[in-house]
Amino acid sequence: MFKGRSVIEIMVLAFTFVVAVSIMGLAVMIIIVESRNPEADTGLIANTLMSLISGILGALLGLIAGKSSSVAGSGDSLHDRPDKTDDGL
């Protein structure tokens, strides 16, 4: 499964797994608490869920941005053609 993958790809997969499990766990906990006691204050749990989502998304986007800047720094640019010919523009 991990054979032939870079460290960045493995980190992205690990972060994604952690995010998915955390989000699902907190969402299930909110559903259970609200169904058993509708008057319960689940604002703190919901705030934690949103903070977790935004923090992990920031980390994932940082990994992706770091990967793209390392590729761009190697001489290849996102604006270059794959065959290295001039497009005339």
PDB file of N, CA and C in Angstrom:
ATOM      1  N   MET A   1       0.816  -1.196   0.000  1.00  0.00           N
ATOM      2  CA  MET A   1       0.000   0.000   0.000  1.00  0.00           C
ATOM      3  C   MET A   1       0.859   1.259   0.000  1.00  0.00           C
ATOM      4  N   PHE A   2       1.927   1.275   0.819  1.00  0.00           N
ATOM      5  CA  PHE A   2       2.772   2.455   0.892  1.00  0.00           C
ATOM      6  C   PHE A   2       4.012   2.339   0.021  1.00  0.00           C
ATOM      7  N   LYS A   3       4.171   1.222  -0.649  1.00  0.00           N
ATOM      8  CA  LYS A   3       5.357   1.019  -1.466  1.00  0.00           C
ATOM      9  C   LYS A   3       5.326   1.959  -2.676  1.00  0.00           C
ATOM     10  N   GLY A   4       6.406   2.682  -2.883  1.00  0.00           N
ATOM     11  CA  GLY A   4       6.501   3.595  -4.013  1.00  0.00           C
ATOM     12  C   GLY A   4       5.884   4.963  -3.757  1.00  0.00           C
ATOM     13  N   ARG A   5       5.440   5.233  -2.546  1.00  0.00           N
ATOM     14  CA  ARG A   5       4.860   6.539  -2.221  1.00  0.00           C
ATOM     15  C   ARG A   5       5.904   7.390  -1.521  1.00  0.00           C
ATOM     16  N   SER A   6       5.811   8.706  -1.727  1.00  0.00           N
ATOM     17  CA  SER A   6       6.729   9.610  -1.051  1.00  0.00           C
ATOM     18  C   SER A   6       6.266   9.837   0.379  1.00  0.00           C
ATOM     19  N   VAL A   7       7.140  10.427   1.170  1.00  0.00           N
ATOM     20  CA  VAL A   7       6.823  10.709   2.566  1.00  0.00           C
ATOM     21  C   VAL A   7       5.653  11.685   2.651  1.00  0.00           C
ATOM     22  N   ILE A   8       5.617  12.658   1.751  1.00  0.00           N
ATOM     23  CA  ILE A   8       4.526  13.642   1.750  1.00  0.00           C
ATOM     24  C   ILE A   8       3.191  12.953   1.495  1.00  0.00           C
ATOM     25  N   GLU A   9       3.156  12.031   0.550  1.00  0.00           N
ATOM     26  CA  GLU A   9       1.909  11.318   0.271  1.00  0.00           C
ATOM     27  C   GLU A   9       1.460  10.493   1.469  1.00  0.00           C
ATOM     28  N   ILE A  10       2.397   9.848   2.152  1.00  0.00           N
ATOM     29  CA  ILE A  10       2.057   9.056   3.330  1.00  0.00           C
ATOM     30  C   ILE A  10       1.551   9.959   4.449  1.00  0.00           C
ATOM     31  N   MET A  11       2.179  11.140   4.617  1.00  0.00           N
ATOM     32  CA  MET A  11       1.718  12.083   5.638  1.00  0.00           C
ATOM     33  C   MET A  11       0.323  12.588   5.315  1.00  0.00           C
ATOM     34  N   VAL A  12       0.053  12.877   4.057  1.00  0.00           N
ATOM     35  CA  VAL A  12      -1.276  13.337   3.663  1.00  0.00           C
ATOM     36  C   VAL A  12      -2.309  12.244   3.933  1.00  0.00           C
ATOM     37  N   LEU A  13      -1.983  11.008   3.613  1.00  0.00           N
ATOM     38  CA  LEU A  13      -2.893   9.901   3.888  1.00  0.00           C
ATOM     39  C   LEU A  13      -3.131   9.728   5.388  1.00  0.00           C
ATOM     40  N   ALA A  14      -2.065   9.849   6.184  1.00  0.00           N
ATOM     41  CA  ALA A  14      -2.211   9.711   7.634  1.00  0.00           C
ATOM     42  C   ALA A  14      -3.059  10.841   8.206  1.00  0.00           C
ATOM     43  N   PHE A  15      -2.789  12.087   7.788  1.00  0.00           N
ATOM     44  CA  PHE A  15      -3.591  13.215   8.249  1.00  0.00           C
ATOM     45  C   PHE A  15      -5.048  13.046   7.832  1.00  0.00           C
ATOM     46  N   THR A  16      -5.262  12.592   6.625  1.00  0.00           N
ATOM     47  CA  THR A  16      -6.626  12.407   6.146  1.00  0.00           C
ATOM     48  C   THR A  16      -7.357  11.358   6.973  1.00  0.00           C
ATOM     49  N   PHE A  17      -6.676  10.276   7.313  1.00  0.00           N
ATOM     50  CA  PHE A  17      -7.280   9.243   8.147  1.00  0.00           C
ATOM     51  C   PHE A  17      -7.616   9.788   9.530  1.00  0.00           C
ATOM     52  N   VAL A  18      -6.681  10.536  10.133  1.00  0.00           N
ATOM     53  CA  VAL A  18      -6.921  11.122  11.452  1.00  0.00           C
ATOM     54  C   VAL A  18      -8.093  12.093  11.402  1.00  0.00           C
ATOM     55  N   VAL A  19      -8.143  12.906  10.358  1.00  0.00           N
ATOM     56  CA  VAL A  19      -9.242  13.865  10.209  1.00  0.00           C
ATOM     57  C   VAL A  19     -10.565  13.138  10.082  1.00  0.00           C
ATOM     58  N   ALA A  20     -10.610  12.126   9.252  1.00  0.00           N
ATOM     59  CA  ALA A  20     -11.860  11.402   9.031  1.00  0.00           C
ATOM     60  C   ALA A  20     -12.357  10.743  10.313  1.00  0.00           C
ATOM     61  N   VAL A  21     -11.460  10.105  11.044  1.00  0.00           N
ATOM     62  CA  VAL A  21     -11.856   9.439  12.284  1.00  0.00           C
ATOM     63  C   VAL A  21     -12.298  10.464  13.327  1.00  0.00           C
ATOM     64  N   SER A  22     -11.571  11.561  13.449  1.00  0.00           N
ATOM     65  CA  SER A  22     -11.918  12.587  14.438  1.00  0.00           C
ATOM     66  C   SER A  22     -13.241  13.260  14.125  1.00  0.00           C
ATOM     67  N   ILE A  23     -13.430  13.604  12.890  1.00  0.00           N
ATOM     68  CA  ILE A  23     -14.669  14.270  12.494  1.00  0.00           C
ATOM     69  C   ILE A  23     -15.860  13.340  12.692  1.00  0.00           C
ATOM     70  N   MET A  24     -15.709  12.104  12.268  1.00  0.00           N
ATOM     71  CA  MET A  24     -16.814  11.167  12.439  1.00  0.00           C
ATOM     72  C   MET A  24     -17.098  10.903  13.918  1.00  0.00           C
ATOM     73  N   GLY A  25     -16.059  10.779  14.730  1.00  0.00           N
ATOM     74  CA  GLY A  25     -16.248  10.545  16.160  1.00  0.00           C
ATOM     75  C   GLY A  25     -16.951  11.709  16.844  1.00  0.00           C
ATOM     76  N   LEU A  26     -16.503  12.933  16.565  1.00  0.00           N
ATOM     77  CA  LEU A  26     -17.149  14.090  17.177  1.00  0.00           C
ATOM     78  C   LEU A  26     -18.573  14.274  16.669  1.00  0.00           C
ATOM     79  N   ALA A  27     -18.785  14.024  15.385  1.00  0.00           N
ATOM     80  CA  ALA A  27     -20.135  14.174  14.830  1.00  0.00           C
ATOM     81  C   ALA A  27     -21.086  13.147  15.450  1.00  0.00           C
ATOM     82  N   VAL A  28     -20.634  11.911  15.612  1.00  0.00           N
ATOM     83  CA  VAL A  28     -21.461  10.874  16.237  1.00  0.00           C
ATOM     84  C   VAL A  28     -21.733  11.233  17.693  1.00  0.00           C
ATOM     85  N   MET A  29     -20.710  11.768  18.380  1.00  0.00           N
ATOM     86  CA  MET A  29     -20.908  12.165  19.772  1.00  0.00           C
ATOM     87  C   MET A  29     -21.947  13.284  19.886  1.00  0.00           C
ATOM     88  N   ILE A  30     -21.905  14.258  18.990  1.00  0.00           N
ATOM     89  CA  ILE A  30     -22.904  15.337  19.003  1.00  0.00           C
ATOM     90  C   ILE A  30     -24.299  14.772  18.746  1.00  0.00           C
ATOM     91  N   ILE A  31     -24.413  13.865  17.790  1.00  0.00           N
ATOM     92  CA  ILE A  31     -25.718  13.275  17.469  1.00  0.00           C
ATOM     93  C   ILE A  31     -26.265  12.494  18.663  1.00  0.00           C
ATOM     94  N   ILE A  32     -25.410  11.713  19.312  1.00  0.00           N
ATOM     95  CA  ILE A  32     -25.859  10.922  20.468  1.00  0.00           C
ATOM     96  C   ILE A  32     -26.297  11.833  21.611  1.00  0.00           C
ATOM     97  N   VAL A  33     -25.487  12.837  21.915  1.00  0.00           N
ATOM     98  CA  VAL A  33     -25.825  13.740  23.023  1.00  0.00           C
ATOM     99  C   VAL A  33     -27.103  14.506  22.733  1.00  0.00           C
ATOM    100  N   GLU A  34     -27.245  15.011  21.513  1.00  0.00           N
ATOM    101  CA  GLU A  34     -28.444  15.782  21.162  1.00  0.00           C
ATOM    102  C   GLU A  34     -29.694  14.909  21.120  1.00  0.00           C
ATOM    103  N   SER A  35     -29.559  13.657  20.731  1.00  0.00           N
ATOM    104  CA  SER A  35     -30.732  12.784  20.680  1.00  0.00           C
ATOM    105  C   SER A  35     -31.181  12.355  22.078  1.00  0.00           C
ATOM    106  N   ARG A  36     -30.224  12.158  22.983  1.00  0.00           N
ATOM    107  CA  ARG A  36     -30.579  11.765  24.349  1.00  0.00           C
ATOM    108  C   ARG A  36     -31.050  12.948  25.193  1.00  0.00           C
ATOM    109  N   ASN A  37     -30.439  14.116  24.972  1.00  0.00           N
ATOM    110  CA  ASN A  37     -30.778  15.282  25.776  1.00  0.00           C
ATOM    111  C   ASN A  37     -30.759  16.517  24.873  1.00  0.00           C
ATOM    112  N   PRO A  38     -31.896  16.875  24.278  1.00  0.00           N
ATOM    113  CA  PRO A  38     -31.925  18.003  23.343  1.00  0.00           C
ATOM    114  C   PRO A  38     -31.558  19.343  23.977  1.00  0.00           C
ATOM    115  N   GLU A  39     -31.676  19.468  25.301  1.00  0.00           N
ATOM    116  CA  GLU A  39     -31.344  20.719  25.964  1.00  0.00           C
ATOM    117  C   GLU A  39     -29.849  20.850  26.257  1.00  0.00           C
ATOM    118  N   ALA A  40     -29.081  19.820  25.984  1.00  0.00           N
ATOM    119  CA  ALA A  40     -27.650  19.841  26.285  1.00  0.00           C
ATOM    120  C   ALA A  40     -26.941  20.872  25.417  1.00  0.00           C
ATOM    121  N   ASP A  41     -25.924  21.490  26.015  1.00  0.00           N
ATOM    122  CA  ASP A  41     -25.134  22.481  25.293  1.00  0.00           C
ATOM    123  C   ASP A  41     -23.980  21.777  24.587  1.00  0.00           C
ATOM    124  N   THR A  42     -24.095  21.635  23.284  1.00  0.00           N
ATOM    125  CA  THR A  42     -23.042  20.985  22.499  1.00  0.00           C
ATOM    126  C   THR A  42     -22.223  22.002  21.719  1.00  0.00           C
ATOM    127  N   GLY A  43     -22.316  23.256  22.111  1.00  0.00           N
ATOM    128  CA  GLY A  43     -21.577  24.311  21.417  1.00  0.00           C
ATOM    129  C   GLY A  43     -20.078  24.132  21.503  1.00  0.00           C
ATOM    130  N   LEU A  44     -19.577  23.713  22.662  1.00  0.00           N
ATOM    131  CA  LEU A  44     -18.135  23.509  22.825  1.00  0.00           C
ATOM    132  C   LEU A  44     -17.630  22.370  21.946  1.00  0.00           C
ATOM    133  N   ILE A  45     -18.411  21.296  21.876  1.00  0.00           N
ATOM    134  CA  ILE A  45     -18.019  20.163  21.026  1.00  0.00           C
ATOM    135  C   ILE A  45     -18.048  20.572  19.554  1.00  0.00           C
ATOM    136  N   ALA A  46     -19.090  21.312  19.158  1.00  0.00           N
ATOM    137  CA  ALA A  46     -19.176  21.760  17.766  1.00  0.00           C
ATOM    138  C   ALA A  46     -18.044  22.727  17.433  1.00  0.00           C
ATOM    139  N   ASN A  47     -17.685  23.589  18.374  1.00  0.00           N
ATOM    140  CA  ASN A  47     -16.566  24.509  18.157  1.00  0.00           C
ATOM    141  C   ASN A  47     -15.256  23.739  18.028  1.00  0.00           C
ATOM    142  N   THR A  48     -15.085  22.717  18.845  1.00  0.00           N
ATOM    143  CA  THR A  48     -13.901  21.865  18.747  1.00  0.00           C
ATOM    144  C   THR A  48     -13.848  21.167  17.394  1.00  0.00           C
ATOM    145  N   LEU A  49     -14.996  20.714  16.928  1.00  0.00           N
ATOM    146  CA  LEU A  49     -15.064  20.055  15.621  1.00  0.00           C
ATOM    147  C   LEU A  49     -14.647  21.003  14.509  1.00  0.00           C
ATOM    148  N   MET A  50     -15.149  22.231  14.540  1.00  0.00           N
ATOM    149  CA  MET A  50     -14.788  23.208  13.508  1.00  0.00           C
ATOM    150  C   MET A  50     -13.316  23.604  13.600  1.00  0.00           C
ATOM    151  N   SER A  51     -12.789  23.732  14.808  1.00  0.00           N
ATOM    152  CA  SER A  51     -11.368  24.060  14.968  1.00  0.00           C
ATOM    153  C   SER A  51     -10.484  22.932  14.443  1.00  0.00           C
ATOM    154  N   LEU A  52     -10.894  21.724  14.721  1.00  0.00           N
ATOM    155  CA  LEU A  52     -10.145  20.566  14.238  1.00  0.00           C
ATOM    156  C   LEU A  52     -10.133  20.519  12.717  1.00  0.00           C
ATOM    157  N   ILE A  53     -11.273  20.749  12.126  1.00  0.00           N
ATOM    158  CA  ILE A  53     -11.367  20.723  10.663  1.00  0.00           C
ATOM    159  C   ILE A  53     -10.488  21.804  10.052  1.00  0.00           C
ATOM    160  N   SER A  54     -10.579  23.018  10.575  1.00  0.00           N
ATOM    161  CA  SER A  54      -9.792  24.107   9.985  1.00  0.00           C
ATOM    162  C   SER A  54      -8.297  23.901  10.215  1.00  0.00           C
ATOM    163  N   GLY A  55      -7.913  23.402  11.378  1.00  0.00           N
ATOM    164  CA  GLY A  55      -6.493  23.167  11.637  1.00  0.00           C
ATOM    165  C   GLY A  55      -5.896  22.097  10.755  1.00  0.00           C
ATOM    166  N   ILE A  56      -6.593  21.000  10.617  1.00  0.00           N
ATOM    167  CA  ILE A  56      -6.076  19.909   9.793  1.00  0.00           C
ATOM    168  C   ILE A  56      -6.101  20.281   8.317  1.00  0.00           C
ATOM    169  N   LEU A  57      -7.136  20.993   7.882  1.00  0.00           N
ATOM    170  CA  LEU A  57      -7.153  21.452   6.490  1.00  0.00           C
ATOM    171  C   LEU A  57      -5.987  22.401   6.217  1.00  0.00           C
ATOM    172  N   GLY A  58      -5.663  23.243   7.182  1.00  0.00           N
ATOM    173  CA  GLY A  58      -4.497  24.117   7.030  1.00  0.00           C
ATOM    174  C   GLY A  58      -3.212  23.325   6.895  1.00  0.00           C
ATOM    175  N   ALA A  59      -3.084  22.274   7.702  1.00  0.00           N
ATOM    176  CA  ALA A  59      -1.888  21.429   7.614  1.00  0.00           C
ATOM    177  C   ALA A  59      -1.812  20.718   6.269  1.00  0.00           C
ATOM    178  N   LEU A  60      -2.938  20.198   5.802  1.00  0.00           N
ATOM    179  CA  LEU A  60      -2.947  19.517   4.503  1.00  0.00           C
ATOM    180  C   LEU A  60      -2.628  20.483   3.371  1.00  0.00           C
ATOM    181  N   LEU A  61      -3.210  21.675   3.412  1.00  0.00           N
ATOM    182  CA  LEU A  61      -2.919  22.659   2.369  1.00  0.00           C
ATOM    183  C   LEU A  61      -1.466  23.111   2.434  1.00  0.00           C
ATOM    184  N   GLY A  62      -0.900  23.199   3.643  1.00  0.00           N
ATOM    185  CA  GLY A  62       0.516  23.535   3.772  1.00  0.00           C
ATOM    186  C   GLY A  62       1.413  22.469   3.176  1.00  0.00           C
ATOM    187  N   LEU A  63       1.054  21.206   3.380  1.00  0.00           N
ATOM    188  CA  LEU A  63       1.836  20.126   2.776  1.00  0.00           C
ATOM    189  C   LEU A  63       1.761  20.173   1.256  1.00  0.00           C
ATOM    190  N   ILE A  64       0.564  20.430   0.747  1.00  0.00           N
ATOM    191  CA  ILE A  64       0.399  20.492  -0.711  1.00  0.00           C
ATOM    192  C   ILE A  64       1.155  21.686  -1.282  1.00  0.00           C
ATOM    193  N   ALA A  65       1.081  22.840  -0.605  1.00  0.00           N
ATOM    194  CA  ALA A  65       1.793  24.027  -1.077  1.00  0.00           C
ATOM    195  C   ALA A  65       3.302  23.817  -1.016  1.00  0.00           C
ATOM    196  N   GLY A  66       3.778  23.168   0.033  1.00  0.00           N
ATOM    197  CA  GLY A  66       5.206  22.879   0.139  1.00  0.00           C
ATOM    198  C   GLY A  66       5.665  21.941  -0.947  1.00  0.00           C
ATOM    199  N   LYS A  67       4.840  20.974  -1.277  1.00  0.00           N
ATOM    200  CA  LYS A  67       5.182  20.038  -2.350  1.00  0.00           C
ATOM    201  C   LYS A  67       5.241  20.748  -3.687  1.00  0.00           C
ATOM    202  N   SER A  68       4.277  21.644  -3.952  1.00  0.00           N
ATOM    203  CA  SER A  68       4.254  22.330  -5.246  1.00  0.00           C
ATOM    204  C   SER A  68       5.397  23.332  -5.358  1.00  0.00           C
ATOM    205  N   SER A  69       5.802  23.970  -4.257  1.00  0.00           N
ATOM    206  CA  SER A  69       6.911  24.916  -4.335  1.00  0.00           C
ATOM    207  C   SER A  69       8.235  24.187  -4.507  1.00  0.00           C
ATOM    208  N   SER A  70       8.370  22.972  -3.960  1.00  0.00           N
ATOM    209  CA  SER A  70       9.602  22.219  -4.161  1.00  0.00           C
ATOM    210  C   SER A  70       9.707  21.745  -5.605  1.00  0.00           C
ATOM    211  N   VAL A  71       8.589  21.444  -6.227  1.00  0.00           N
ATOM    212  CA  VAL A  71       8.603  21.060  -7.637  1.00  0.00           C
ATOM    213  C   VAL A  71       8.941  22.270  -8.489  1.00  0.00           C
ATOM    214  N   ALA A  72       8.365  23.434  -8.162  1.00  0.00           N
ATOM    215  CA  ALA A  72       8.623  24.644  -8.937  1.00  0.00           C
ATOM    216  C   ALA A  72      10.063  25.108  -8.758  1.00  0.00           C
ATOM    217  N   GLY A  73      10.655  24.843  -7.596  1.00  0.00           N
ATOM    218  CA  GLY A  73      12.025  25.265  -7.344  1.00  0.00           C
ATOM    219  C   GLY A  73      13.052  24.417  -8.071  1.00  0.00           C
ATOM    220  N   SER A  74      12.663  23.302  -8.624  1.00  0.00           N
ATOM    221  CA  SER A  74      13.615  22.422  -9.292  1.00  0.00           C
ATOM    222  C   SER A  74      13.839  22.794 -10.753  1.00  0.00           C
ATOM    223  N   GLY A  75      13.339  23.956 -11.164  1.00  0.00           N
ATOM    224  CA  GLY A  75      13.536  24.384 -12.537  1.00  0.00           C
ATOM    225  C   GLY A  75      12.292  24.215 -13.378  1.00  0.00           C
ATOM    226  N   ASP A  76      11.428  23.299 -12.998  1.00  0.00           N
ATOM    227  CA  ASP A  76      10.177  23.126 -13.713  1.00  0.00           C
ATOM    228  C   ASP A  76       9.169  24.104 -13.155  1.00  0.00           C
ATOM    229  N   SER A  77       8.401  24.676 -14.020  1.00  0.00           N
ATOM    230  CA  SER A  77       7.371  25.602 -13.586  1.00  0.00           C
ATOM    231  C   SER A  77       6.022  25.064 -14.012  1.00  0.00           C
ATOM    232  N   LEU A  78       5.008  25.495 -13.337  1.00  0.00           N
ATOM    233  CA  LEU A  78       3.661  25.076 -13.721  1.00  0.00           C
ATOM    234  C   LEU A  78       3.264  25.670 -15.063  1.00  0.00           C
ATOM    235  N   HIS A  79       3.988  26.711 -15.485  1.00  0.00           N
ATOM    236  CA  HIS A  79       3.666  27.371 -16.748  1.00  0.00           C
ATOM    237  C   HIS A  79       4.451  26.812 -17.927  1.00  0.00           C
ATOM    238  N   ASP A  80       5.415  25.932 -17.675  1.00  0.00           N
ATOM    239  CA  ASP A  80       6.196  25.340 -18.762  1.00  0.00           C
ATOM    240  C   ASP A  80       5.429  24.191 -19.394  1.00  0.00           C
ATOM    241  N   ARG A  81       5.634  24.026 -20.680  1.00  0.00           N
ATOM    242  CA  ARG A  81       5.036  22.892 -21.369  1.00  0.00           C
ATOM    243  C   ARG A  81       5.819  21.630 -21.025  1.00  0.00           C
ATOM    244  N   PRO A  82       5.163  20.478 -20.995  1.00  0.00           N
ATOM    245  CA  PRO A  82       5.864  19.233 -20.648  1.00  0.00           C
ATOM    246  C   PRO A  82       6.982  18.880 -21.612  1.00  0.00           C
ATOM    247  N   ASP A  83       6.834  19.262 -22.899  1.00  0.00           N
ATOM    248  CA  ASP A  83       7.875  18.929 -23.870  1.00  0.00           C
ATOM    249  C   ASP A  83       8.945  20.017 -23.971  1.00  0.00           C
ATOM    250  N   LYS A  84       8.882  21.037 -23.106  1.00  0.00           N
ATOM    251  CA  LYS A  84       9.856  22.134 -23.008  1.00  0.00           C
ATOM    252  C   LYS A  84       9.926  22.969 -24.277  1.00  0.00           C
ATOM    253  N   THR A  85       8.908  22.962 -25.113  1.00  0.00           N
ATOM    254  CA  THR A  85       8.894  23.817 -26.297  1.00  0.00           C
ATOM    255  C   THR A  85       8.188  25.116 -25.957  1.00  0.00           C
ATOM    256  N   ASP A  86       8.457  26.138 -26.769  1.00  0.00           N
ATOM    257  CA  ASP A  86       7.852  27.455 -26.556  1.00  0.00           C
ATOM    258  C   ASP A  86       6.452  27.459 -27.182  1.00  0.00           C
ATOM    259  N   ASP A  87       5.492  28.006 -26.447  1.00  0.00           N
ATOM    260  CA  ASP A  87       4.144  28.047 -26.989  1.00  0.00           C
ATOM    261  C   ASP A  87       3.883  29.315 -27.803  1.00  0.00           C
ATOM    262  N   GLY A  88       4.856  30.224 -27.838  1.00  0.00           N
ATOM    263  CA  GLY A  88       4.714  31.413 -28.677  1.00  0.00           C
ATOM    264  C   GLY A  88       3.932  32.540 -28.044  1.00  0.00           C
ATOM    265  N   LEU A  89       3.579  32.422 -26.789  1.00  0.00           N
ATOM    266  CA  LEU A  89       2.836  33.506 -26.133  1.00  0.00           C
ATOM    267  C   LEU A  89       3.739  34.396 -25.338  1.00  0.00           C
TER     268      LEU A  89
END
